[in-house]
Amino acid sequence: MNKKVTAPEIVRYDGKRHAAGVSYLARQIANTMGLPLYIAEDIGHAGYCHDIGKEYLPAALWDKPDKLTAEEYERMKQHTRLGFEVLRWSEFQRFAAQAALEHHEKWDGS
């Protein structure tokens, strides 16, 4: 097959690959910690969904090859809140919603 792949398709593929990798690692850590299977699965699912808020930002922003401007960086930081807002309404997704909101939080809470 000789299909031409567009830049947005590459970005979306890389995003899915990143999500799958985070999901796998999170689940492995949970398993290693001896957490029950249902919790390890929830953690893995949260890992997969953690960056879902990026889907609500322009692809040109999160695919920019150059350094983000201060304004762009502030906008990019909104992906955590956007992901939380998307996921929080579902009982099934509440754990993932919290992970989406807090996955860039530092130890000091900032």
C-alpha atoms as a PDB file:
ATOM      1  CA  MET A   1       0.000   0.000   0.000  1.00  0.00           C
ATOM      2  CA  ASN A   2       1.394   3.368  -0.975  1.00  0.00           C
ATOM      3  CA  LYS A   3      -0.779   5.850   0.923  1.00  0.00           C
ATOM      4  CA  LYS A   4       0.492   9.357   1.575  1.00  0.00           C
ATOM      5  CA  VAL A   5       0.268  10.087   5.304  1.00  0.00           C
ATOM      6  CA  THR A   6      -0.552  13.635   6.372  1.00  0.00           C
ATOM      7  CA  ALA A   7       1.049  15.442   9.306  1.00  0.00           C
ATOM      8  CA  PRO A   8      -2.127  15.332  11.474  1.00  0.00           C
ATOM      9  CA  GLU A   9      -2.309  11.556  10.985  1.00  0.00           C
ATOM     10  CA  ILE A  10       1.303  11.210  12.107  1.00  0.00           C
ATOM     11  CA  VAL A  11       0.670  13.366  15.164  1.00  0.00           C
ATOM     12  CA  ARG A  12      -2.450  11.416  16.080  1.00  0.00           C
ATOM     13  CA  TYR A  13      -0.561   8.137  15.615  1.00  0.00           C
ATOM     14  CA  ASP A  14       2.292   9.339  17.826  1.00  0.00           C
ATOM     15  CA  GLY A  15      -0.235  10.497  20.413  1.00  0.00           C
ATOM     16  CA  LYS A  16      -1.866   7.073  20.448  1.00  0.00           C
ATOM     17  CA  ARG A  17       1.530   5.396  20.692  1.00  0.00           C
ATOM     18  CA  HIS A  18       2.416   7.648  23.647  1.00  0.00           C
ATOM     19  CA  ALA A  19      -0.945   6.952  25.303  1.00  0.00           C
ATOM     20  CA  ALA A  20      -0.513   3.201  24.845  1.00  0.00           C
ATOM     21  CA  GLY A  21       3.006   3.349  26.295  1.00  0.00           C
ATOM     22  CA  VAL A  22       1.909   5.337  29.344  1.00  0.00           C
ATOM     23  CA  SER A  23      -1.010   2.948  29.822  1.00  0.00           C
ATOM     24  CA  TYR A  24       1.247  -0.101  29.676  1.00  0.00           C
ATOM     25  CA  LEU A  25       3.835   1.323  32.075  1.00  0.00           C
ATOM     26  CA  ALA A  26       1.212   2.526  34.555  1.00  0.00           C
ATOM     27  CA  ARG A  27      -0.445  -0.894  34.569  1.00  0.00           C
ATOM     28  CA  GLN A  28       2.917  -2.641  35.013  1.00  0.00           C
ATOM     29  CA  ILE A  29       3.810  -0.418  37.975  1.00  0.00           C
ATOM     30  CA  ALA A  30       0.404  -1.072  39.554  1.00  0.00           C
ATOM     31  CA  ASN A  31       0.875  -4.825  39.076  1.00  0.00           C
ATOM     32  CA  THR A  32       4.386  -4.687  40.538  1.00  0.00           C
ATOM     33  CA  MET A  33       2.984  -2.841  43.553  1.00  0.00           C
ATOM     34  CA  GLY A  34       0.588  -5.752  44.050  1.00  0.00           C
ATOM     35  CA  LEU A  35      -2.566  -3.673  43.501  1.00  0.00           C
ATOM     36  CA  PRO A  36      -5.752  -5.581  42.697  1.00  0.00           C
ATOM     37  CA  LEU A  37      -6.308  -6.243  38.996  1.00  0.00           C
ATOM     38  CA  TYR A  38      -9.337  -3.951  38.743  1.00  0.00           C
ATOM     39  CA  ILE A  39      -7.297  -1.037  40.123  1.00  0.00           C
ATOM     40  CA  ALA A  40      -4.350  -1.811  37.844  1.00  0.00           C
ATOM     41  CA  GLU A  41      -6.764  -1.770  34.893  1.00  0.00           C
ATOM     42  CA  ASP A  42      -8.200   1.589  36.007  1.00  0.00           C
ATOM     43  CA  ILE A  43      -4.688   2.991  36.314  1.00  0.00           C
ATOM     44  CA  GLY A  44      -3.824   1.695  32.850  1.00  0.00           C
ATOM     45  CA  HIS A  45      -6.972   3.245  31.427  1.00  0.00           C
ATOM     46  CA  ALA A  46      -6.150   6.547  33.118  1.00  0.00           C
ATOM     47  CA  GLY A  47      -2.689   6.398  31.569  1.00  0.00           C
ATOM     48  CA  TYR A  48      -4.217   5.995  28.141  1.00  0.00           C
ATOM     49  CA  CYS A  49      -6.584   8.953  28.640  1.00  0.00           C
ATOM     50  CA  HIS A  50      -4.180  11.331  30.399  1.00  0.00           C
ATOM     51  CA  ASP A  51      -3.572  13.587  27.371  1.00  0.00           C
ATOM     52  CA  ILE A  52      -7.099  13.524  25.909  1.00  0.00           C
ATOM     53  CA  GLY A  53      -7.392  17.269  26.474  1.00  0.00           C
ATOM     54  CA  LYS A  54      -4.847  17.841  23.687  1.00  0.00           C
ATOM     55  CA  GLU A  55      -7.550  16.781  21.239  1.00  0.00           C
ATOM     56  CA  TYR A  56      -9.347  20.039  22.077  1.00  0.00           C
ATOM     57  CA  LEU A  57      -6.372  22.227  21.207  1.00  0.00           C
ATOM     58  CA  PRO A  58      -5.300  23.038  17.649  1.00  0.00           C
ATOM     59  CA  ALA A  59      -2.964  20.393  16.226  1.00  0.00           C
ATOM     60  CA  ALA A  60      -0.684  23.217  15.075  1.00  0.00           C
ATOM     61  CA  LEU A  61      -0.087  24.032  18.734  1.00  0.00           C
ATOM     62  CA  TRP A  62       0.869  20.591  20.017  1.00  0.00           C
ATOM     63  CA  ASP A  63       2.656  19.609  16.799  1.00  0.00           C
ATOM     64  CA  LYS A  64       4.781  22.753  16.647  1.00  0.00           C
ATOM     65  CA  PRO A  65       8.399  21.754  15.974  1.00  0.00           C
ATOM     66  CA  ASP A  66       9.780  24.968  17.478  1.00  0.00           C
ATOM     67  CA  LYS A  67       9.716  26.135  21.070  1.00  0.00           C
ATOM     68  CA  LEU A  68       6.289  27.372  22.167  1.00  0.00           C
ATOM     69  CA  THR A  69       5.870  31.056  22.899  1.00  0.00           C
ATOM     70  CA  ALA A  70       4.838  32.002  26.432  1.00  0.00           C
ATOM     71  CA  GLU A  71       1.240  32.451  25.253  1.00  0.00           C
ATOM     72  CA  GLU A  72       1.246  29.099  23.426  1.00  0.00           C
ATOM     73  CA  TYR A  73       2.714  27.379  26.466  1.00  0.00           C
ATOM     74  CA  GLU A  74      -0.046  28.774  28.692  1.00  0.00           C
ATOM     75  CA  ARG A  75      -2.624  27.522  26.210  1.00  0.00           C
ATOM     76  CA  MET A  76      -0.972  24.092  26.013  1.00  0.00           C
ATOM     77  CA  LYS A  77      -1.092  23.797  29.792  1.00  0.00           C
ATOM     78  CA  GLN A  78      -4.887  23.953  29.511  1.00  0.00           C
ATOM     79  CA  HIS A  79      -4.976  20.394  28.123  1.00  0.00           C
ATOM     80  CA  THR A  80      -5.031  18.996  31.666  1.00  0.00           C
ATOM     81  CA  ARG A  81      -8.156  20.962  32.596  1.00  0.00           C
ATOM     82  CA  LEU A  82      -9.790  20.212  29.225  1.00  0.00           C
ATOM     83  CA  GLY A  83      -9.184  16.476  29.681  1.00  0.00           C
ATOM     84  CA  PHE A  84     -10.637  16.613  33.172  1.00  0.00           C
ATOM     85  CA  GLU A  85     -13.753  18.406  31.932  1.00  0.00           C
ATOM     86  CA  VAL A  86     -14.308  15.822  29.207  1.00  0.00           C
ATOM     87  CA  LEU A  87     -13.841  12.782  31.452  1.00  0.00           C
ATOM     88  CA  ARG A  88     -15.309  13.868  34.787  1.00  0.00           C
ATOM     89  CA  TRP A  89     -18.976  13.417  33.890  1.00  0.00           C
ATOM     90  CA  SER A  90     -18.747   9.658  33.538  1.00  0.00           C
ATOM     91  CA  GLU A  91     -18.678   7.459  36.647  1.00  0.00           C
ATOM     92  CA  PHE A  92     -16.481   5.042  34.689  1.00  0.00           C
ATOM     93  CA  GLN A  93     -14.003   7.792  33.817  1.00  0.00           C
ATOM     94  CA  ARG A  94     -13.625   9.634  37.133  1.00  0.00           C
ATOM     95  CA  PHE A  95     -10.244   8.073  37.938  1.00  0.00           C
ATOM     96  CA  ALA A  96      -9.017   8.917  34.434  1.00  0.00           C
ATOM     97  CA  ALA A  97     -10.386  12.456  34.811  1.00  0.00           C
ATOM     98  CA  GLN A  98      -8.296  13.020  37.940  1.00  0.00           C
ATOM     99  CA  ALA A  99      -5.216  11.603  36.197  1.00  0.00           C
ATOM    100  CA  ALA A 100      -5.793  13.917  33.221  1.00  0.00           C
ATOM    101  CA  LEU A 101      -6.042  16.905  35.551  1.00  0.00           C
ATOM    102  CA  GLU A 102      -2.987  16.115  37.684  1.00  0.00           C
ATOM    103  CA  HIS A 103      -0.498  14.400  35.363  1.00  0.00           C
ATOM    104  CA  HIS A 104       1.751  17.477  35.129  1.00  0.00           C
ATOM    105  CA  GLU A 105       1.417  18.501  38.764  1.00  0.00           C
ATOM    106  CA  LYS A 106       4.702  18.860  40.634  1.00  0.00           C
ATOM    107  CA  TRP A 107       5.459  17.455  44.075  1.00  0.00           C
ATOM    108  CA  ASP A 108       4.882  20.884  45.606  1.00  0.00           C
ATOM    109  CA  GLY A 109       1.358  21.010  44.151  1.00  0.00           C
ATOM    110  CA  SER A 110       2.110  23.611  41.492  1.00  0.00           C
END
